[in-house]
Amino acid sequence: QVQLVESGGGLVQPGGSLRLSCAASGSTFSIYSMAWYRQAPGKQRELVAHISTSGITNYADSVKGRFTISRDNAKNTVYLQMNSLKPEDTAVYYCKQDRIIVDVWGQGTQVTVSS
């Protein structure tokens, strides 16, 4: 059973940066697309960024130009580099592995942007 473990969240001031990591167990990481989602209090979970097996990326309009998703298949890890953070980026961030039948989710990591 694959497991996803996020790390790198924390408290940062507006305009600051954070890099989230999501490490996957198992040896088949490279064959799955990966994504980052976030959920703010009282709001629905939303897609932030997605990366395909070939490295094609897509972003939510709200984070384009500020966030960058990447993957390192040798380390079974997907990253989310977040720059120019805003208070509205405050949320729990989750990584997800796209599966055919049931997607796999991590437990989430809290990102708080506040002065």
C-alpha atoms as a PDB file:
ATOM      1  CA  GLN A   1       0.000   0.000   0.000  1.00  0.00           C
ATOM      2  CA  VAL A   2       1.573   3.244  -1.151  1.00  0.00           C
ATOM      3  CA  GLN A   3       1.840   6.074   1.341  1.00  0.00           C
ATOM      4  CA  LEU A   4       2.354   9.780   0.684  1.00  0.00           C
ATOM      5  CA  VAL A   5       3.997  11.944   3.342  1.00  0.00           C
ATOM      6  CA  GLU A   6       4.006  15.727   2.982  1.00  0.00           C
ATOM      7  CA  SER A   7       6.450  18.038   4.721  1.00  0.00           C
ATOM      8  CA  GLY A   8       7.678  21.617   4.550  1.00  0.00           C
ATOM      9  CA  GLY A   9       4.641  23.527   5.738  1.00  0.00           C
ATOM     10  CA  GLY A  10       4.772  26.250   8.352  1.00  0.00           C
ATOM     11  CA  LEU A  11       4.218  29.905   9.144  1.00  0.00           C
ATOM     12  CA  VAL A  12       5.578  32.467   6.699  1.00  0.00           C
ATOM     13  CA  GLN A  13       5.129  36.188   6.215  1.00  0.00           C
ATOM     14  CA  PRO A  14       3.389  37.595   3.143  1.00  0.00           C
ATOM     15  CA  GLY A  15       5.817  37.712   0.245  1.00  0.00           C
ATOM     16  CA  GLY A  16       7.824  34.814   1.618  1.00  0.00           C
ATOM     17  CA  SER A  17       8.534  31.373   0.211  1.00  0.00           C
ATOM     18  CA  LEU A  18       8.107  27.756   1.198  1.00  0.00           C
ATOM     19  CA  ARG A  19       8.894  24.469  -0.495  1.00  0.00           C
ATOM     20  CA  LEU A  20       6.604  21.534   0.157  1.00  0.00           C
ATOM     21  CA  SER A  21       7.731  17.962  -0.386  1.00  0.00           C
ATOM     22  CA  CYS A  22       5.684  14.798  -0.803  1.00  0.00           C
ATOM     23  CA  ALA A  23       7.541  11.519  -0.505  1.00  0.00           C
ATOM     24  CA  ALA A  24       5.946   8.344  -1.816  1.00  0.00           C
ATOM     25  CA  SER A  25       6.676   4.824  -0.717  1.00  0.00           C
ATOM     26  CA  GLY A  26       6.938   2.037  -3.287  1.00  0.00           C
ATOM     27  CA  SER A  27       8.849   1.624  -6.517  1.00  0.00           C
ATOM     28  CA  THR A  28       6.297   2.693  -9.117  1.00  0.00           C
ATOM     29  CA  PHE A  29       6.267   6.443  -8.454  1.00  0.00           C
ATOM     30  CA  SER A  30       7.320   7.403 -11.978  1.00  0.00           C
ATOM     31  CA  ILE A  31       4.278   5.900 -13.680  1.00  0.00           C
ATOM     32  CA  TYR A  32       1.756   8.101 -11.884  1.00  0.00           C
ATOM     33  CA  SER A  33       0.783  11.717 -12.332  1.00  0.00           C
ATOM     34  CA  MET A  34       0.938  13.756  -9.140  1.00  0.00           C
ATOM     35  CA  ALA A  35      -0.890  16.813  -7.882  1.00  0.00           C
ATOM     36  CA  TRP A  36      -1.058  19.292  -5.047  1.00  0.00           C
ATOM     37  CA  TYR A  37      -4.410  20.380  -3.619  1.00  0.00           C
ATOM     38  CA  ARG A  38      -5.283  22.737  -0.808  1.00  0.00           C
ATOM     39  CA  GLN A  39      -8.214  23.289   1.506  1.00  0.00           C
ATOM     40  CA  ALA A  40      -8.792  26.467   3.427  1.00  0.00           C
ATOM     41  CA  PRO A  41     -11.154  26.579   6.446  1.00  0.00           C
ATOM     42  CA  GLY A  42     -14.758  26.552   5.315  1.00  0.00           C
ATOM     43  CA  LYS A  43     -13.841  26.028   1.675  1.00  0.00           C
ATOM     44  CA  GLN A  44     -13.762  23.091  -0.697  1.00  0.00           C
ATOM     45  CA  ARG A  45     -10.528  21.357  -1.547  1.00  0.00           C
ATOM     46  CA  GLU A  46      -9.103  22.801  -4.767  1.00  0.00           C
ATOM     47  CA  LEU A  47      -6.460  21.781  -7.259  1.00  0.00           C
ATOM     48  CA  VAL A  48      -3.304  23.877  -7.034  1.00  0.00           C
ATOM     49  CA  ALA A  49      -0.921  22.190  -9.466  1.00  0.00           C
ATOM     50  CA  HIS A  50      -0.564  18.981 -11.444  1.00  0.00           C
ATOM     51  CA  ILE A  51       2.392  17.247 -13.064  1.00  0.00           C
ATOM     52  CA  SER A  52       2.155  14.377 -15.512  1.00  0.00           C
ATOM     53  CA  THR A  53       4.484  11.418 -15.822  1.00  0.00           C
ATOM     54  CA  SER A  54       6.299  13.256 -18.628  1.00  0.00           C
ATOM     55  CA  GLY A  55       6.626  16.457 -16.631  1.00  0.00           C
ATOM     56  CA  ILE A  56       3.812  18.487 -18.182  1.00  0.00           C
ATOM     57  CA  THR A  57       2.491  20.921 -15.596  1.00  0.00           C
ATOM     58  CA  ASN A  58      -0.766  22.755 -15.017  1.00  0.00           C
ATOM     59  CA  TYR A  59      -1.652  25.368 -12.397  1.00  0.00           C
ATOM     60  CA  ALA A  60      -4.654  27.032 -10.893  1.00  0.00           C
ATOM     61  CA  ASP A  61      -4.971  30.596 -12.133  1.00  0.00           C
ATOM     62  CA  SER A  62      -4.557  31.880  -8.584  1.00  0.00           C
ATOM     63  CA  VAL A  63      -1.009  30.493  -8.303  1.00  0.00           C
ATOM     64  CA  LYS A  64       0.331  30.816 -11.855  1.00  0.00           C
ATOM     65  CA  GLY A  65       3.674  32.571 -11.904  1.00  0.00           C
ATOM     66  CA  ARG A  66       4.168  32.086  -8.157  1.00  0.00           C
ATOM     67  CA  PHE A  67       4.121  28.314  -7.590  1.00  0.00           C
ATOM     68  CA  THR A  68       6.145  25.617  -9.343  1.00  0.00           C
ATOM     69  CA  ILE A  69       5.471  21.895  -9.194  1.00  0.00           C
ATOM     70  CA  SER A  70       8.285  19.458  -9.949  1.00  0.00           C
ATOM     71  CA  ARG A  71       9.115  15.816  -9.429  1.00  0.00           C
ATOM     72  CA  ASP A  72      12.216  13.741  -8.791  1.00  0.00           C
ATOM     73  CA  ASN A  73      11.475  10.166  -9.774  1.00  0.00           C
ATOM     74  CA  ALA A  74      14.795   8.934  -8.370  1.00  0.00           C
ATOM     75  CA  LYS A  75      13.685  10.159  -4.936  1.00  0.00           C
ATOM     76  CA  ASN A  76       9.989   9.277  -5.323  1.00  0.00           C
ATOM     77  CA  THR A  77       9.195  12.859  -4.422  1.00  0.00           C
ATOM     78  CA  VAL A  78       7.058  15.684  -5.782  1.00  0.00           C
ATOM     79  CA  TYR A  79       7.680  19.284  -4.759  1.00  0.00           C
ATOM     80  CA  LEU A  80       5.731  22.512  -4.653  1.00  0.00           C
ATOM     81  CA  GLN A  81       7.846  25.651  -4.610  1.00  0.00           C
ATOM     82  CA  MET A  82       5.696  28.525  -3.403  1.00  0.00           C
ATOM     83  CA  ASN A  83       6.932  32.091  -3.834  1.00  0.00           C
ATOM     84  CA  SER A  84       5.334  35.483  -3.221  1.00  0.00           C
ATOM     85  CA  LEU A  85       2.953  33.915  -0.744  1.00  0.00           C
ATOM     86  CA  LYS A  86      -0.265  35.709   0.120  1.00  0.00           C
ATOM     87  CA  PRO A  87      -2.574  35.387   3.138  1.00  0.00           C
ATOM     88  CA  GLU A  88      -5.140  33.757   0.859  1.00  0.00           C
ATOM     89  CA  ASP A  89      -2.689  30.903   0.263  1.00  0.00           C
ATOM     90  CA  THR A  90      -3.259  29.816   3.859  1.00  0.00           C
ATOM     91  CA  ALA A  91      -4.597  26.253   3.796  1.00  0.00           C
ATOM     92  CA  VAL A  92      -3.796  22.625   4.411  1.00  0.00           C
ATOM     93  CA  TYR A  93      -1.884  21.368   1.395  1.00  0.00           C
ATOM     94  CA  TYR A  94      -2.291  17.779   0.232  1.00  0.00           C
ATOM     95  CA  CYS A  95      -0.476  15.785  -2.395  1.00  0.00           C
ATOM     96  CA  LYS A  96      -2.312  13.239  -4.477  1.00  0.00           C
ATOM     97  CA  GLN A  97      -1.239  10.394  -6.688  1.00  0.00           C
ATOM     98  CA  ASP A  98      -3.528   9.764  -9.646  1.00  0.00           C
ATOM     99  CA  ARG A  99      -4.632   6.147  -9.778  1.00  0.00           C
ATOM    100  CA  ILE A 100      -7.078   4.446 -12.137  1.00  0.00           C
ATOM    101  CA  ILE A 101      -9.559   3.347  -9.500  1.00  0.00           C
ATOM    102  CA  VAL A 102      -8.792   5.073  -6.201  1.00  0.00           C
ATOM    103  CA  ASP A 103      -6.458   8.054  -5.858  1.00  0.00           C
ATOM    104  CA  VAL A 104      -3.967   8.106  -3.006  1.00  0.00           C
ATOM    105  CA  TRP A 105      -3.803  11.144  -0.702  1.00  0.00           C
ATOM    106  CA  GLY A 106      -1.294  12.326   1.837  1.00  0.00           C
ATOM    107  CA  GLN A 107      -2.225  13.512   5.314  1.00  0.00           C
ATOM    108  CA  GLY A 108      -1.659  17.187   4.542  1.00  0.00           C
ATOM    109  CA  THR A 109       0.650  19.916   5.770  1.00  0.00           C
ATOM    110  CA  GLN A 110      -0.456  23.289   7.127  1.00  0.00           C
ATOM    111  CA  VAL A 111       0.691  26.477   5.397  1.00  0.00           C
ATOM    112  CA  THR A 112      -0.081  29.738   7.156  1.00  0.00           C
ATOM    113  CA  VAL A 113       0.739  33.082   5.570  1.00  0.00           C
ATOM    114  CA  SER A 114       0.491  35.863   8.115  1.00  0.00           C
ATOM    115  CA  SER A 115       2.392  38.826   9.456  1.00  0.00           C
END
